[in-house]
Amino acid sequence: MTPDVLERLLTDRSLGRLEPDVDTLLADFLADNPAATAQAKELQDVVQMATKAVRSPVPVAEIPNQIPRFIWRHRAEQVLALAASFVIGIGIAALFLHTSPHAIPSTGSPVVATARPNPVNSQIESLPFWSTQRAFLLASTKMRSSE
């Protein structure tokens, strides 16, 4: 018997998958061959340990609860980010107002502009705000004014 065939037969025997008549023949062979008997014993021990390891229950690792300070830290970061956004917005607005190109006339008398009604503006205002027609009319009036 070749070593490969013997190893496969011993593995099948250790797992309990060997036919009864083949098991009898293998037992007769092992009785006559002490080296094969030692190999069969080692393989049987390995299979038993592997079966025991696979069947043993795996301890369930519980996820720890969040530590409360992390929740407070996250909320504090959110509040600080909101405050920073507010301060940056106020700073940009102040900078824009400070450097605005509109100067107040120094003559003392207010300048009153007379506006003529524009039929295109009234047509644009009558359309729904998100309509494509309104967007088209706005774009076309901007193109006319830039020419």
C-alpha atoms as a PDB file:
ATOM      1  CA  MET A   1       0.000   0.000   0.000  1.00  0.00           C
ATOM      2  CA  THR A   2       1.373   3.428  -0.947  1.00  0.00           C
ATOM      3  CA  PRO A   3       1.809   6.126   1.713  1.00  0.00           C
ATOM      4  CA  ASP A   4      -0.708   8.431  -0.030  1.00  0.00           C
ATOM      5  CA  VAL A   5      -3.425   5.793  -0.109  1.00  0.00           C
ATOM      6  CA  LEU A   6      -2.706   4.862   3.492  1.00  0.00           C
ATOM      7  CA  GLU A   7      -2.944   8.495   4.607  1.00  0.00           C
ATOM      8  CA  ARG A   8      -6.274   8.997   2.838  1.00  0.00           C
ATOM      9  CA  LEU A   9      -7.672   5.789   4.344  1.00  0.00           C
ATOM     10  CA  LEU A  10      -6.486   6.745   7.830  1.00  0.00           C
ATOM     11  CA  THR A  11      -8.010  10.209   7.458  1.00  0.00           C
ATOM     12  CA  ASP A  12     -11.329   8.744   6.360  1.00  0.00           C
ATOM     13  CA  ARG A  13     -11.213   6.252   9.238  1.00  0.00           C
ATOM     14  CA  SER A  14     -10.480   9.019  11.779  1.00  0.00           C
ATOM     15  CA  LEU A  15     -13.440  11.003  10.502  1.00  0.00           C
ATOM     16  CA  GLY A  16     -15.701   7.921  10.551  1.00  0.00           C
ATOM     17  CA  ARG A  17     -16.316   7.998   6.801  1.00  0.00           C
ATOM     18  CA  LEU A  18     -14.845   4.600   5.932  1.00  0.00           C
ATOM     19  CA  GLU A  19     -16.998   1.707   4.662  1.00  0.00           C
ATOM     20  CA  PRO A  20     -17.201  -1.185   7.147  1.00  0.00           C
ATOM     21  CA  ASP A  21     -15.524  -3.730   4.850  1.00  0.00           C
ATOM     22  CA  VAL A  22     -12.683  -1.324   3.995  1.00  0.00           C
ATOM     23  CA  ASP A  23     -12.306  -0.542   7.713  1.00  0.00           C
ATOM     24  CA  THR A  24     -11.864  -4.262   8.422  1.00  0.00           C
ATOM     25  CA  LEU A  25      -9.191  -4.573   5.746  1.00  0.00           C
ATOM     26  CA  LEU A  26      -7.392  -1.485   7.087  1.00  0.00           C
ATOM     27  CA  ALA A  27      -7.505  -2.867  10.646  1.00  0.00           C
ATOM     28  CA  ASP A  28      -5.880  -6.093   9.409  1.00  0.00           C
ATOM     29  CA  PHE A  29      -3.179  -4.056   7.634  1.00  0.00           C
ATOM     30  CA  LEU A  30      -2.522  -1.954  10.744  1.00  0.00           C
ATOM     31  CA  ALA A  31      -2.211  -5.089  12.884  1.00  0.00           C
ATOM     32  CA  ASP A  32       0.654  -6.279  10.674  1.00  0.00           C
ATOM     33  CA  ASN A  33       2.362  -2.850  10.320  1.00  0.00           C
ATOM     34  CA  PRO A  34       3.403  -1.060  13.579  1.00  0.00           C
ATOM     35  CA  ALA A  35       4.626   2.126  11.761  1.00  0.00           C
ATOM     36  CA  ALA A  36       1.252   2.569  10.125  1.00  0.00           C
ATOM     37  CA  THR A  37      -0.421   1.963  13.491  1.00  0.00           C
ATOM     38  CA  ALA A  38       1.589   4.830  15.033  1.00  0.00           C
ATOM     39  CA  GLN A  39       0.650   7.092  12.119  1.00  0.00           C
ATOM     40  CA  ALA A  40      -3.027   6.133  12.558  1.00  0.00           C
ATOM     41  CA  LYS A  41      -2.844   6.981  16.278  1.00  0.00           C
ATOM     42  CA  GLU A  42      -1.311  10.419  15.558  1.00  0.00           C
ATOM     43  CA  LEU A  43      -3.896  11.195  12.912  1.00  0.00           C
ATOM     44  CA  GLN A  44      -6.725  10.081  15.228  1.00  0.00           C
ATOM     45  CA  ASP A  45      -5.398  12.424  17.973  1.00  0.00           C
ATOM     46  CA  VAL A  46      -5.189  15.356  15.529  1.00  0.00           C
ATOM     47  CA  VAL A  47      -8.748  14.786  14.317  1.00  0.00           C
ATOM     48  CA  GLN A  48     -10.064  14.569  17.893  1.00  0.00           C
ATOM     49  CA  MET A  49      -8.340  17.825  18.889  1.00  0.00           C
ATOM     50  CA  ALA A  50      -9.580  19.591  15.769  1.00  0.00           C
ATOM     51  CA  THR A  51     -13.125  18.350  16.368  1.00  0.00           C
ATOM     52  CA  LYS A  52     -12.986  19.511  19.979  1.00  0.00           C
ATOM     53  CA  ALA A  53     -11.678  22.940  18.937  1.00  0.00           C
ATOM     54  CA  VAL A  54     -14.357  23.385  16.293  1.00  0.00           C
ATOM     55  CA  ARG A  55     -17.208  22.273  18.537  1.00  0.00           C
ATOM     56  CA  SER A  56     -16.202  24.377  21.522  1.00  0.00           C
ATOM     57  CA  PRO A  57     -18.320  27.542  21.787  1.00  0.00           C
ATOM     58  CA  VAL A  58     -16.656  30.788  20.871  1.00  0.00           C
ATOM     59  CA  PRO A  59     -16.882  33.408  23.604  1.00  0.00           C
ATOM     60  CA  VAL A  60     -19.049  36.296  22.472  1.00  0.00           C
ATOM     61  CA  ALA A  61     -17.285  39.604  22.749  1.00  0.00           C
ATOM     62  CA  GLU A  62     -19.653  42.318  23.852  1.00  0.00           C
ATOM     63  CA  ILE A  63     -19.245  45.778  22.442  1.00  0.00           C
ATOM     64  CA  PRO A  64     -18.668  48.191  25.305  1.00  0.00           C
ATOM     65  CA  ASN A  65     -21.063  51.069  25.749  1.00  0.00           C
ATOM     66  CA  GLN A  66     -19.902  54.462  24.643  1.00  0.00           C
ATOM     67  CA  ILE A  67     -18.192  56.395  27.340  1.00  0.00           C
ATOM     68  CA  PRO A  68     -20.286  59.495  28.175  1.00  0.00           C
ATOM     69  CA  ARG A  69     -17.346  61.851  27.837  1.00  0.00           C
ATOM     70  CA  PHE A  70     -17.008  60.932  24.179  1.00  0.00           C
ATOM     71  CA  ILE A  71     -20.628  61.922  23.588  1.00  0.00           C
ATOM     72  CA  TRP A  72     -20.031  65.265  25.317  1.00  0.00           C
ATOM     73  CA  ARG A  73     -16.824  65.740  23.393  1.00  0.00           C
ATOM     74  CA  HIS A  74     -18.653  65.185  20.104  1.00  0.00           C
ATOM     75  CA  ARG A  75     -21.383  67.648  21.060  1.00  0.00           C
ATOM     76  CA  ALA A  76     -18.808  70.213  22.145  1.00  0.00           C
ATOM     77  CA  GLU A  77     -17.058  69.869  18.798  1.00  0.00           C
ATOM     78  CA  GLN A  78     -20.373  70.441  17.019  1.00  0.00           C
ATOM     79  CA  VAL A  79     -21.110  73.555  19.073  1.00  0.00           C
ATOM     80  CA  LEU A  80     -17.624  74.941  18.492  1.00  0.00           C
ATOM     81  CA  ALA A  81     -17.898  74.308  14.751  1.00  0.00           C
ATOM     82  CA  LEU A  82     -21.234  76.118  14.648  1.00  0.00           C
ATOM     83  CA  ALA A  83     -19.826  79.055  16.621  1.00  0.00           C
ATOM     84  CA  ALA A  84     -16.784  79.258  14.345  1.00  0.00           C
ATOM     85  CA  SER A  85     -19.043  79.260  11.273  1.00  0.00           C
ATOM     86  CA  PHE A  86     -21.102  82.050  12.787  1.00  0.00           C
ATOM     87  CA  VAL A  87     -18.033  84.147  13.573  1.00  0.00           C
ATOM     88  CA  ILE A  88     -16.587  83.604  10.096  1.00  0.00           C
ATOM     89  CA  GLY A  89     -19.918  84.594   8.522  1.00  0.00           C
ATOM     90  CA  ILE A  90     -20.144  87.774  10.589  1.00  0.00           C
ATOM     91  CA  GLY A  91     -16.534  88.615   9.720  1.00  0.00           C
ATOM     92  CA  ILE A  92     -17.121  88.162   5.988  1.00  0.00           C
ATOM     93  CA  ALA A  93     -20.305  90.243   6.138  1.00  0.00           C
ATOM     94  CA  ALA A  94     -18.528  93.015   8.045  1.00  0.00           C
ATOM     95  CA  LEU A  95     -15.650  92.965   5.600  1.00  0.00           C
ATOM     96  CA  PHE A  96     -18.052  93.120   2.665  1.00  0.00           C
ATOM     97  CA  LEU A  97     -20.001  96.018   4.168  1.00  0.00           C
ATOM     98  CA  HIS A  98     -16.814  97.873   5.032  1.00  0.00           C
ATOM     99  CA  THR A  99     -15.426  97.641   1.508  1.00  0.00           C
ATOM    100  CA  SER A 100     -18.717  98.049  -0.371  1.00  0.00           C
ATOM    101  CA  PRO A 101     -18.405 100.216  -3.514  1.00  0.00           C
ATOM    102  CA  HIS A 102     -21.621 102.132  -2.767  1.00  0.00           C
ATOM    103  CA  ALA A 103     -20.659 105.449  -1.336  1.00  0.00           C
ATOM    104  CA  ILE A 104     -23.103 107.765   0.388  1.00  0.00           C
ATOM    105  CA  PRO A 105     -23.380 111.066  -1.502  1.00  0.00           C
ATOM    106  CA  SER A 106     -21.892 113.937   0.438  1.00  0.00           C
ATOM    107  CA  THR A 107     -24.223 116.638  -0.997  1.00  0.00           C
ATOM    108  CA  GLY A 108     -26.679 116.308   1.816  1.00  0.00           C
ATOM    109  CA  SER A 109     -29.696 115.836  -0.426  1.00  0.00           C
ATOM    110  CA  PRO A 110     -30.797 112.288  -1.067  1.00  0.00           C
ATOM    111  CA  VAL A 111     -30.623 111.072  -4.610  1.00  0.00           C
ATOM    112  CA  VAL A 112     -33.970 109.760  -5.772  1.00  0.00           C
ATOM    113  CA  ALA A 113     -33.924 107.433  -8.737  1.00  0.00           C
ATOM    114  CA  THR A 114     -37.003 107.154 -10.881  1.00  0.00           C
ATOM    115  CA  ALA A 115     -37.468 103.632 -12.069  1.00  0.00           C
ATOM    116  CA  ARG A 116     -39.343 102.890 -15.227  1.00  0.00           C
ATOM    117  CA  PRO A 117     -41.374  99.712 -15.185  1.00  0.00           C
ATOM    118  CA  ASN A 118     -39.775  97.068 -17.316  1.00  0.00           C
ATOM    119  CA  PRO A 119     -42.237  94.700 -19.037  1.00  0.00           C
ATOM    120  CA  VAL A 120     -39.699  91.868 -19.044  1.00  0.00           C
ATOM    121  CA  ASN A 121     -39.259  92.132 -15.249  1.00  0.00           C
ATOM    122  CA  SER A 122     -42.997  91.919 -14.663  1.00  0.00           C
ATOM    123  CA  GLN A 123     -43.158  88.908 -16.985  1.00  0.00           C
ATOM    124  CA  ILE A 124     -40.292  87.233 -15.100  1.00  0.00           C
ATOM    125  CA  GLU A 125     -41.915  87.906 -11.716  1.00  0.00           C
ATOM    126  CA  SER A 126     -45.193  86.376 -12.865  1.00  0.00           C
ATOM    127  CA  LEU A 127     -43.525  83.004 -13.590  1.00  0.00           C
ATOM    128  CA  PRO A 128     -42.946  80.346 -10.910  1.00  0.00           C
ATOM    129  CA  PHE A 129     -39.616  80.761  -9.149  1.00  0.00           C
ATOM    130  CA  TRP A 130     -38.060  77.428 -10.206  1.00  0.00           C
ATOM    131  CA  SER A 131     -39.428  77.319 -13.747  1.00  0.00           C
ATOM    132  CA  THR A 132     -37.169  76.878 -16.768  1.00  0.00           C
ATOM    133  CA  GLN A 133     -38.902  79.762 -18.551  1.00  0.00           C
ATOM    134  CA  ARG A 134     -37.956  82.123 -15.737  1.00  0.00           C
ATOM    135  CA  ALA A 135     -34.338  80.957 -15.835  1.00  0.00           C
ATOM    136  CA  PHE A 136     -34.269  81.414 -19.618  1.00  0.00           C
ATOM    137  CA  LEU A 137     -35.711  84.949 -19.403  1.00  0.00           C
ATOM    138  CA  LEU A 138     -33.276  85.924 -16.647  1.00  0.00           C
ATOM    139  CA  ALA A 139     -30.346  84.633 -18.660  1.00  0.00           C
ATOM    140  CA  SER A 140     -31.489  86.400 -21.814  1.00  0.00           C
ATOM    141  CA  THR A 141     -31.935  89.754 -20.023  1.00  0.00           C
ATOM    142  CA  LYS A 142     -28.443  89.450 -18.543  1.00  0.00           C
ATOM    143  CA  MET A 143     -27.051  88.771 -22.002  1.00  0.00           C
ATOM    144  CA  ARG A 144     -28.843  91.837 -23.410  1.00  0.00           C
ATOM    145  CA  SER A 145     -27.648  94.086 -20.611  1.00  0.00           C
ATOM    146  CA  SER A 146     -24.019  92.973 -21.051  1.00  0.00           C
ATOM    147  CA  GLU A 147     -24.049  93.766 -24.776  1.00  0.00           C
END
